[in-house]
Amino acid sequence: MHHSFRFRTVYQIIISSCMILAAFSCSFVFAESNRNEQKSVAEIVSKAAQENKILYKLTTLEEFKQIVGQPIKETKTNDGGMEIRALEYSDVCAWFGKMRDNPGPFIILEIESKDKAFDIGQNRQIVLRDASDLDKFDTFWGFANVSLANLDLRKHKTLLDNMLFDTLTKWPEPNKLPEGFKPVQMLEEGKNPGLGIRQLHQKGIDGRGIGIAILDQSLLRDHVEYRDKIVQYEEIDVNGMPPQMHASSVASIAVGKTCGVAPGAALFYFAMRMSAMPDNGIYRDIIDKIIKRNESTGASEKIRVVSISTGTFQEQANFDRWKETLRKAEQHGILVVTCDPAFLKYGTLKHIPGKDANDPKSYRRGKYSSPDDVLLVPAGNRTIASQIGPEVYTFDREGGMSWAAPYLAGLTALAYQVNPDIKPDRIIQLWLETAIKTDAGPVVNPWGFIEAVRKEI
């Protein structure tokens, strides 16, 4: 299996809509172009690719123009958090992209031709050639499945401290890394959910007997972190979408055997296209299905918490009906955890590498937080399962609200294990009542929370 292929498919999904739009104009150019012109650009590209002058995620848009020449047409499109540039030639179309908050250059993601296939390295590990290549990578995708082995990184500590990496990242020898920068150790230590969660596991409080439902994108189902936890996997209009980064991350944070908050819980997974929701109907339908399922199962098989890592419900149609669904779920003893401020105004924490992950003072306020947050949840500098392969892990620098939601969902599963009769709204109240006040803000307190839940019996 090519791990890098799975990494590539994420980019293909992101730029797919832009490519479809551009393909029509490309097809028109193909049809109208002279046969000799069709060959010329494709042959230049083919030769340059063979000579490694055009390389996936390393060749910039300007470098491509210097090699191939000016395009017939250049189009600009935004797709989610990514900016796309499409260059159209007589017989070649090339797509370049960068994350919208990245000041770096546009780098090549895909080339298409009517008659030729080009190997620019999408299915191979990206190998950086010199330090100038470092500027072509953004913090969102980081150095996942990238080889840095050829570089001397001793003067690049600030960059490394902000870039995610994974178990496929190849590093130079230790004497060419910044002093104290130990990526292998960081990745292993980053699996700890922190704040005493593992100590609760040692006491047998791990979510066993509780079902967690996750509604998210297509999941890599055979990852070692959670594959044994999956009781049900249902696809809803995903149409063959490959495994997505978001999905494996949230699943591992909730129920992962080494990095999950509730590794004893059962996982019920519903895969969907979360970015294409005209209203909240699919979410409502799934929760109604969960409620109905619970009515016909034993206590040890019920789904007690639903994790949805999005907060756009108020922006969709029929929001009132969504709120009614939430009330219905609560009446049936199910807590639906989302990123919606209407659920809870919480933010993220970022662990300080090398500090005790169990100490609330070892965290600072994360990127996705604000001074008026009523609760802060670990999300940054955390190790999570990767969609690239079944044994691949990512060390994620910032995390986000999407990572905090499954953390709280896992914590909910621990609470239901200790006290199956506790009310969903009381769980939220106890998060706030037991939070630890720190310089960063009010930090979630798993030990204090579980003790408070136990006292409610």
Protein backbone atom coordinates (compact mmCIF):
# COMPACT_ATOMS: atom_id res chain seq x y z
CA MET A 1 0.00 0.00 0.00
CA HIS A 2 1.29 3.46 -0.89
CA HIS A 3 0.76 5.55 2.23
CA SER A 4 1.47 8.69 0.22
CA PHE A 5 -1.40 7.90 -2.12
CA ARG A 6 -3.84 8.23 0.73
CA PHE A 7 -2.26 11.53 1.65
CA ARG A 8 -2.62 12.68 -1.93
CA THR A 9 -6.30 11.85 -2.10
CA VAL A 10 -7.05 14.47 0.53
CA TYR A 11 -5.72 17.14 -1.79
CA GLN A 12 -7.68 15.62 -4.66
CA ILE A 13 -10.90 15.99 -2.70
CA ILE A 14 -10.10 19.59 -1.79
CA ILE A 15 -9.40 20.68 -5.37
CA SER A 16 -11.93 18.40 -7.07
CA SER A 17 -14.62 21.03 -7.60
CA CYS A 18 -12.10 23.47 -9.04
CA MET A 19 -10.70 20.78 -11.34
CA ILE A 20 -14.13 19.89 -12.64
CA LEU A 21 -14.87 23.51 -13.53
CA ALA A 22 -11.51 23.94 -15.21
CA ALA A 23 -11.78 20.63 -17.07
CA PHE A 24 -14.52 21.95 -19.35
CA SER A 25 -12.36 24.83 -20.56
CA CYS A 26 -9.40 22.46 -20.87
CA SER A 27 -11.45 20.09 -22.99
CA PHE A 28 -12.38 22.98 -25.24
CA VAL A 29 -8.73 23.93 -25.63
CA PHE A 30 -7.88 20.30 -26.42
CA ALA A 31 -10.48 20.18 -29.14
CA GLU A 32 -9.50 23.49 -30.75
CA SER A 33 -5.72 23.16 -30.55
CA ASN A 34 -3.45 22.10 -33.35
CA ARG A 35 -2.10 18.55 -32.97
CA ASN A 36 1.51 19.79 -32.98
CA GLU A 37 0.69 22.26 -30.17
CA GLN A 38 -0.92 19.44 -28.19
CA LYS A 39 2.33 17.53 -28.19
CA SER A 40 4.68 20.39 -27.46
CA VAL A 41 3.57 21.38 -23.96
CA ALA A 42 2.94 17.80 -22.87
CA GLU A 43 6.38 16.76 -24.05
CA ILE A 44 8.01 19.60 -22.13
CA VAL A 45 6.14 18.62 -18.99
CA SER A 46 6.91 14.92 -19.46
CA LYS A 47 10.64 15.55 -19.86
CA ALA A 48 10.77 17.94 -16.92
CA ALA A 49 8.92 15.42 -14.73
CA GLN A 50 11.39 12.69 -15.70
CA GLU A 51 14.26 15.01 -14.75
CA ASN A 52 12.57 15.80 -11.40
CA LYS A 53 12.19 19.44 -12.33
CA ILE A 54 8.44 19.20 -11.76
CA LEU A 55 7.70 17.57 -8.41
CA TYR A 56 4.52 17.22 -6.40
CA LYS A 57 4.25 19.92 -3.70
CA LEU A 58 7.77 21.19 -4.45
CA THR A 59 7.47 22.95 -7.81
CA THR A 60 5.93 26.40 -7.51
CA LEU A 61 3.58 28.04 -9.95
CA GLU A 62 6.26 30.49 -11.08
CA GLU A 63 8.83 27.73 -11.50
CA PHE A 64 6.34 25.80 -13.63
CA LYS A 65 5.80 28.83 -15.87
CA GLN A 66 9.55 29.20 -16.30
CA ILE A 67 9.76 25.59 -17.47
CA VAL A 68 6.63 25.41 -19.61
CA GLY A 69 5.87 29.01 -20.52
CA GLN A 70 2.89 31.25 -19.99
CA PRO A 71 -0.52 29.54 -19.98
CA ILE A 72 -3.38 30.26 -22.34
CA LYS A 73 -5.57 30.90 -19.32
CA GLU A 74 -5.12 31.16 -15.56
CA THR A 75 -8.07 30.85 -13.19
CA LYS A 76 -8.34 31.52 -9.46
CA THR A 77 -10.67 29.68 -7.08
CA ASN A 78 -11.14 29.31 -3.34
CA ASP A 79 -12.24 25.97 -1.97
CA GLY A 80 -12.71 25.91 1.79
CA GLY A 81 -9.41 26.90 3.37
CA MET A 82 -7.41 26.42 0.18
CA GLU A 83 -6.64 28.77 -2.70
CA ILE A 84 -6.39 27.09 -6.10
CA ARG A 85 -4.74 28.30 -9.31
CA ALA A 86 -5.39 26.43 -12.56
CA LEU A 87 -3.06 26.93 -15.55
CA GLU A 88 -4.45 25.91 -18.93
CA TYR A 89 -2.20 25.18 -21.89
CA SER A 90 -2.94 23.75 -25.33
CA ASP A 91 -2.91 20.15 -24.12
CA VAL A 92 -2.10 20.38 -20.40
CA CYS A 93 -3.88 21.63 -17.31
CA ALA A 94 -1.97 22.09 -14.05
CA TRP A 95 -3.39 22.83 -10.59
CA PHE A 96 -1.54 24.62 -7.81
CA GLY A 97 -2.68 25.31 -4.29
CA LYS A 98 -1.87 26.69 -0.86
CA MET A 99 -3.75 27.16 2.38
CA ARG A 100 -5.31 30.61 2.53
CA ASP A 101 -3.41 31.69 5.65
CA ASN A 102 -0.07 30.49 4.27
CA PRO A 103 2.20 33.29 2.98
CA GLY A 104 4.21 30.79 0.94
CA PRO A 105 4.00 30.08 -2.78
CA PHE A 106 1.46 28.06 -4.73
CA ILE A 107 2.78 24.52 -5.22
CA ILE A 108 1.79 21.94 -7.80
CA LEU A 109 -0.86 19.37 -6.85
CA GLU A 110 -2.00 17.84 -10.13
CA ILE A 111 -1.31 17.82 -13.90
CA GLU A 112 -3.75 16.54 -16.47
CA SER A 113 -3.30 15.91 -20.17
CA LYS A 114 -5.56 14.50 -22.85
CA ASP A 115 -2.95 12.05 -24.14
CA LYS A 116 -0.24 11.65 -21.51
CA ALA A 117 0.13 10.65 -17.87
CA PHE A 118 2.73 12.43 -15.79
CA ASP A 119 4.54 11.00 -12.78
CA ILE A 120 5.33 13.99 -10.59
CA GLY A 121 5.62 11.97 -7.40
CA GLN A 122 2.15 11.96 -5.85
CA ASN A 123 2.60 8.30 -4.96
CA ARG A 124 6.05 8.72 -3.46
CA GLN A 125 7.38 10.31 -0.31
CA ILE A 126 8.23 13.97 -0.80
CA VAL A 127 11.98 14.44 -0.44
CA LEU A 128 13.15 17.97 0.31
CA ARG A 129 16.24 18.91 -1.66
CA ASP A 130 17.51 21.96 0.22
CA ALA A 131 16.41 24.50 2.84
CA SER A 132 14.52 26.60 0.26
CA ASP A 133 11.94 23.80 -0.01
CA LEU A 134 10.95 24.37 3.63
CA ASP A 135 9.09 27.55 2.68
CA LYS A 136 6.71 25.57 0.46
CA PHE A 137 5.02 23.81 3.37
CA ASP A 138 2.23 25.14 5.56
CA THR A 139 1.41 24.36 9.17
CA PHE A 140 -1.90 22.70 8.29
CA TRP A 141 -0.39 19.75 6.37
CA GLY A 142 3.10 20.18 7.78
CA PHE A 143 5.78 17.57 7.11
CA ALA A 144 3.52 14.51 7.07
CA ASN A 145 5.10 11.83 4.85
CA VAL A 146 8.00 14.14 4.00
CA SER A 147 11.71 13.35 4.08
CA LEU A 148 13.89 16.02 5.67
CA ALA A 149 16.89 13.69 5.79
CA ASN A 150 18.96 15.78 3.36
CA LEU A 151 18.73 18.98 5.40
CA ASP A 152 20.55 20.59 8.30
CA LEU A 153 17.72 21.84 10.51
CA ARG A 154 19.69 23.21 13.45
CA LYS A 155 18.72 26.80 12.65
CA HIS A 156 15.05 26.03 11.98
CA LYS A 157 13.70 25.38 15.48
CA THR A 158 10.95 28.00 15.24
CA LEU A 159 9.66 26.41 12.04
CA LEU A 160 9.81 22.89 13.45
CA ASP A 161 7.99 23.95 16.60
CA ASN A 162 5.00 24.93 14.46
CA MET A 163 4.92 22.16 11.86
CA LEU A 164 3.04 18.91 12.34
CA PHE A 165 4.75 15.65 11.39
CA ASP A 166 3.97 11.96 11.43
CA THR A 167 5.53 8.54 11.80
CA LEU A 168 6.46 8.59 8.10
CA THR A 169 8.45 11.81 8.39
CA LYS A 170 12.16 11.15 7.88
CA TRP A 171 14.52 13.25 9.92
CA PRO A 172 18.23 14.04 9.55
CA GLU A 173 20.72 12.74 12.07
CA PRO A 174 20.25 14.11 15.62
CA ASN A 175 23.32 16.35 15.24
CA LYS A 176 21.46 18.19 12.46
CA LEU A 177 18.35 18.84 14.54
CA PRO A 178 17.87 21.76 16.97
CA GLU A 179 19.06 21.05 20.48
CA GLY A 180 16.33 19.36 22.52
CA PHE A 181 14.12 18.67 19.50
CA LYS A 182 13.21 14.96 19.75
CA PRO A 183 10.36 14.21 17.33
CA VAL A 184 10.07 10.48 18.03
CA GLN A 185 9.78 11.09 21.76
CA MET A 186 7.33 13.95 21.22
CA LEU A 187 5.09 11.79 19.07
CA GLU A 188 5.00 9.00 21.64
CA GLU A 189 4.39 11.31 24.59
CA GLY A 190 1.72 13.15 22.59
CA LYS A 191 -0.53 10.09 22.68
CA ASN A 192 -1.33 10.87 26.31
CA PRO A 193 -4.78 12.56 26.51
CA GLY A 194 -3.45 14.37 29.56
CA LEU A 195 -4.94 15.83 32.73
CA GLY A 196 -5.04 12.49 34.53
CA ILE A 197 -7.09 10.59 31.94
CA ARG A 198 -4.70 7.63 31.90
CA GLN A 199 -4.84 7.40 35.68
CA LEU A 200 -8.62 7.06 35.40
CA HIS A 201 -8.08 4.26 32.89
CA GLN A 202 -5.86 2.48 35.41
CA LYS A 203 -8.80 2.60 37.83
CA GLY A 204 -10.98 0.86 35.25
CA ILE A 205 -12.78 4.06 34.21
CA ASP A 206 -12.33 3.89 30.45
CA GLY A 207 -15.85 4.13 29.01
CA ARG A 208 -16.52 0.39 28.89
CA GLY A 209 -20.16 -0.46 28.34
CA ILE A 210 -20.88 2.92 26.76
CA GLY A 211 -21.50 3.61 23.09
CA ILE A 212 -20.13 6.72 21.37
CA ALA A 213 -21.54 7.76 18.00
CA ILE A 214 -19.37 9.93 15.77
CA LEU A 215 -20.83 11.76 12.77
CA ASP A 216 -17.94 12.79 10.53
CA GLN A 217 -16.19 12.17 7.19
CA SER A 218 -15.07 8.87 5.65
CA LEU A 219 -12.98 6.85 8.09
CA LEU A 220 -9.91 4.67 7.63
CA ARG A 221 -11.54 1.74 9.38
CA ASP A 222 -8.50 -0.51 9.80
CA HIS A 223 -6.32 1.84 11.85
CA VAL A 224 -4.86 -0.05 14.80
CA GLU A 225 -5.86 2.76 17.15
CA TYR A 226 -9.61 2.14 16.94
CA ARG A 227 -10.43 -0.69 14.51
CA ASP A 228 -11.36 -3.05 17.36
CA LYS A 229 -13.74 -0.44 18.78
CA ILE A 230 -16.00 -0.16 15.72
CA VAL A 231 -19.37 -1.81 16.31
CA GLN A 232 -21.16 -0.15 13.42
CA TYR A 233 -20.00 1.79 10.36
CA GLU A 234 -22.56 3.39 8.08
CA GLU A 235 -21.91 5.50 4.98
CA ILE A 236 -24.33 8.24 4.01
CA ASP A 237 -23.90 9.66 0.51
CA VAL A 238 -20.10 9.65 0.56
CA ASN A 239 -19.88 8.12 -2.94
CA GLY A 240 -16.54 6.40 -2.57
CA MET A 241 -14.82 9.30 -0.78
CA PRO A 242 -11.42 8.08 0.47
CA PRO A 243 -10.48 8.18 4.16
CA GLN A 244 -10.16 11.72 5.46
CA MET A 245 -7.78 13.27 7.98
CA HIS A 246 -10.59 14.71 10.08
CA ALA A 247 -12.24 11.33 10.58
CA SER A 248 -9.31 9.31 11.91
CA SER A 249 -8.38 12.18 14.20
CA VAL A 250 -11.72 12.47 15.98
CA ALA A 251 -12.16 8.69 16.25
CA SER A 252 -8.75 8.24 17.88
CA ILE A 253 -9.27 11.11 20.34
CA ALA A 254 -12.59 9.65 21.45
CA VAL A 255 -11.89 5.90 21.64
CA GLY A 256 -8.28 5.31 20.57
CA LYS A 257 -6.55 2.56 22.52
CA THR A 258 -3.42 4.65 23.20
CA CYS A 259 -4.50 8.26 22.63
CA GLY A 260 -8.23 8.10 23.32
CA VAL A 261 -10.13 9.50 26.28
CA ALA A 262 -12.51 6.51 26.38
CA PRO A 263 -10.61 3.50 24.97
CA GLY A 264 -13.12 1.07 26.47
CA ALA A 265 -16.12 2.59 24.72
CA ALA A 266 -17.80 1.14 21.63
CA LEU A 267 -17.71 3.21 18.44
CA PHE A 268 -20.72 3.71 16.17
CA TYR A 269 -19.56 5.67 13.13
CA PHE A 270 -21.64 7.51 10.55
CA ALA A 271 -19.62 8.72 7.54
CA MET A 272 -20.98 11.68 5.58
CA ARG A 273 -20.03 14.75 3.55
CA MET A 274 -20.07 17.30 6.33
CA SER A 275 -19.25 20.24 4.05
CA ALA A 276 -22.28 19.75 1.79
CA MET A 277 -25.17 20.06 4.23
CA PRO A 278 -28.08 22.19 2.90
CA ASP A 279 -29.69 21.90 6.33
CA ASN A 280 -29.39 19.85 9.51
CA GLY A 281 -31.64 17.08 8.23
CA ILE A 282 -29.06 14.30 8.06
CA TYR A 283 -27.89 14.99 11.60
CA ARG A 284 -31.47 14.94 12.83
CA ASP A 285 -32.22 11.69 11.00
CA ILE A 286 -29.17 9.94 12.47
CA ILE A 287 -29.93 11.03 16.01
CA ASP A 288 -33.53 9.88 15.60
CA LYS A 289 -32.16 6.54 14.39
CA ILE A 290 -29.89 6.32 17.45
CA ILE A 291 -32.79 7.03 19.80
CA LYS A 292 -34.88 4.34 18.12
CA ARG A 293 -31.99 1.86 18.28
CA ASN A 294 -31.47 2.52 21.99
CA GLU A 295 -35.10 1.69 22.69
CA SER A 296 -34.56 -1.88 21.47
CA THR A 297 -31.16 -2.65 23.03
CA GLY A 298 -29.90 -3.50 26.49
CA ALA A 299 -28.34 -0.93 28.80
CA SER A 300 -24.78 -2.06 27.99
CA GLU A 301 -25.31 -1.58 24.24
CA LYS A 302 -26.83 1.88 24.20
CA ILE A 303 -25.29 4.92 22.55
CA ARG A 304 -25.10 7.57 25.28
CA VAL A 305 -23.06 10.30 23.60
CA VAL A 306 -22.88 11.69 20.05
CA SER A 307 -19.82 13.63 18.86
CA ILE A 308 -20.14 16.01 15.91
CA SER A 309 -17.08 18.16 15.20
CA THR A 310 -18.81 21.07 13.55
CA GLY A 311 -20.50 24.20 14.82
CA THR A 312 -22.40 25.41 11.76
CA PHE A 313 -25.89 24.31 12.79
CA GLN A 314 -27.16 27.85 13.24
CA GLU A 315 -26.06 28.67 9.68
CA GLN A 316 -28.18 25.90 8.16
CA ALA A 317 -31.88 25.80 7.44
CA ASN A 318 -34.37 24.39 9.99
CA PHE A 319 -32.25 25.27 13.02
CA ASP A 320 -35.36 25.17 15.24
CA ARG A 321 -35.92 21.56 14.26
CA TRP A 322 -32.29 20.80 15.12
CA LYS A 323 -32.76 22.28 18.60
CA GLU A 324 -35.83 20.12 19.05
CA THR A 325 -33.76 17.05 18.10
CA LEU A 326 -31.20 17.98 20.75
CA ARG A 327 -33.93 18.27 23.39
CA LYS A 328 -35.30 14.90 22.34
CA ALA A 329 -31.84 13.29 22.61
CA GLU A 330 -31.39 14.77 26.08
CA GLN A 331 -34.76 13.39 27.18
CA HIS A 332 -33.53 9.95 26.13
CA GLY A 333 -30.29 10.26 28.12
CA ILE A 334 -28.04 11.12 25.17
CA LEU A 335 -25.60 14.04 25.22
CA VAL A 336 -24.84 15.50 21.78
CA VAL A 337 -21.43 17.19 21.86
CA THR A 338 -20.73 19.72 19.09
CA CYS A 339 -18.50 22.73 18.43
CA ASP A 340 -21.51 25.06 18.46
CA PRO A 341 -21.15 27.87 21.04
CA ALA A 342 -24.84 27.31 21.75
CA PHE A 343 -23.84 23.93 23.18
CA LEU A 344 -20.97 25.30 25.28
CA LYS A 345 -18.60 28.22 24.85
CA TYR A 346 -15.35 26.25 25.11
CA GLY A 347 -11.92 26.66 23.56
CA THR A 348 -8.68 24.79 23.02
CA LEU A 349 -5.48 24.24 24.98
CA LYS A 350 -2.00 23.56 23.63
CA HIS A 351 0.32 21.31 25.61
CA ILE A 352 3.85 22.57 26.19
CA PRO A 353 6.17 19.77 24.96
CA GLY A 354 8.37 18.35 27.68
CA LYS A 355 6.01 19.43 30.46
CA ASP A 356 3.90 17.03 32.53
CA ALA A 357 0.74 16.46 30.48
CA ASN A 358 -1.20 15.71 33.67
CA ASP A 359 -0.48 19.14 35.15
CA PRO A 360 -3.05 21.80 34.10
CA LYS A 361 -0.25 24.38 34.26
CA SER A 362 1.56 22.55 31.43
CA TYR A 363 -0.84 24.04 28.87
CA ARG A 364 -1.29 27.42 27.29
CA ARG A 365 -4.30 28.83 25.55
CA GLY A 366 -4.71 27.35 22.07
CA LYS A 367 -5.25 29.09 18.76
CA TYR A 368 -8.99 28.39 18.86
CA SER A 369 -9.87 30.04 22.13
CA SER A 370 -10.94 33.40 23.50
CA PRO A 371 -10.87 35.15 26.91
CA ASP A 372 -14.58 34.51 27.47
CA ASP A 373 -14.37 30.72 27.06
CA VAL A 374 -15.98 28.97 30.02
CA LEU A 375 -13.87 25.80 29.54
CA LEU A 376 -10.58 24.93 27.84
CA VAL A 377 -9.88 21.47 26.42
CA PRO A 378 -6.55 19.90 25.27
CA ALA A 379 -6.15 19.87 21.49
CA GLY A 380 -2.70 21.12 20.43
CA ASN A 381 0.61 19.21 20.42
CA ARG A 382 -1.31 15.94 20.46
CA THR A 383 -0.72 12.66 18.66
CA ILE A 384 -3.66 11.31 16.68
CA ALA A 385 -4.33 8.52 14.19
CA SER A 386 -3.60 9.35 10.56
CA GLN A 387 -5.69 8.56 7.50
CA ILE A 388 -2.51 7.74 5.56
CA GLY A 389 -2.19 4.18 6.83
CA PRO A 390 -3.32 1.76 9.56
CA GLU A 391 -0.20 2.24 11.70
CA VAL A 392 0.56 5.88 10.97
CA TYR A 393 0.22 8.61 13.61
CA THR A 394 0.35 12.40 13.29
CA PHE A 395 1.74 14.86 15.84
CA ASP A 396 -0.65 17.77 15.41
CA ARG A 397 0.52 21.17 16.58
CA GLU A 398 -2.60 23.29 16.96
CA GLY A 399 -5.54 20.93 16.91
CA GLY A 400 -8.85 22.76 16.96
CA MET A 401 -12.41 22.73 18.17
CA SER A 402 -12.88 19.58 16.13
CA TRP A 403 -10.40 17.82 18.42
CA ALA A 404 -11.92 19.20 21.61
CA ALA A 405 -15.40 17.83 20.86
CA PRO A 406 -14.41 14.12 20.86
CA TYR A 407 -12.33 14.75 24.00
CA LEU A 408 -15.47 15.94 25.76
CA ALA A 409 -17.47 13.09 24.22
CA GLY A 410 -14.96 10.60 25.61
CA LEU A 411 -15.15 12.26 29.00
CA THR A 412 -18.94 11.93 28.81
CA ALA A 413 -18.58 8.19 28.22
CA LEU A 414 -16.46 7.92 31.39
CA ALA A 415 -19.18 9.75 33.29
CA TYR A 416 -21.94 7.45 32.05
CA GLN A 417 -19.85 4.41 32.99
CA VAL A 418 -19.55 5.70 36.56
CA ASN A 419 -23.13 6.95 36.82
CA PRO A 420 -25.48 5.70 34.06
CA ASP A 421 -28.36 7.76 35.43
CA ILE A 422 -26.73 11.16 35.36
CA LYS A 423 -28.58 13.69 33.21
CA PRO A 424 -26.88 15.11 30.10
CA ASP A 425 -27.30 18.72 31.20
CA ARG A 426 -25.80 17.88 34.59
CA ILE A 427 -22.66 16.57 32.87
CA ILE A 428 -22.13 19.97 31.26
CA GLN A 429 -22.72 21.74 34.57
CA LEU A 430 -20.15 19.54 36.32
CA TRP A 431 -17.52 20.27 33.65
CA LEU A 432 -17.83 23.91 34.59
CA GLU A 433 -18.14 23.43 38.35
CA THR A 434 -15.00 21.27 38.55
CA ALA A 435 -12.82 23.21 36.07
CA ILE A 436 -9.37 24.20 37.36
CA LYS A 437 -8.52 27.90 37.23
CA THR A 438 -5.13 28.53 35.59
CA ASP A 439 -3.34 31.43 33.94
CA ALA A 440 -4.61 30.11 30.62
CA GLY A 441 -8.20 30.01 31.86
CA PRO A 442 -10.62 27.38 33.23
CA VAL A 443 -9.19 23.96 32.31
CA VAL A 444 -11.31 20.81 32.15
CA ASN A 445 -10.65 18.60 35.18
CA PRO A 446 -11.28 14.90 34.40
CA TRP A 447 -10.48 13.62 37.92
CA GLY A 448 -12.54 16.24 39.69
CA PHE A 449 -15.34 15.82 37.19
CA ILE A 450 -15.57 12.05 37.61
CA GLU A 451 -15.53 12.39 41.39
CA ALA A 452 -18.39 14.87 41.15
CA VAL A 453 -20.27 12.52 38.83
CA ARG A 454 -19.80 9.70 41.32
CA LYS A 455 -21.25 11.84 44.11
CA GLU A 456 -24.41 12.34 42.06
CA ILE A 457 -25.31 8.65 42.42
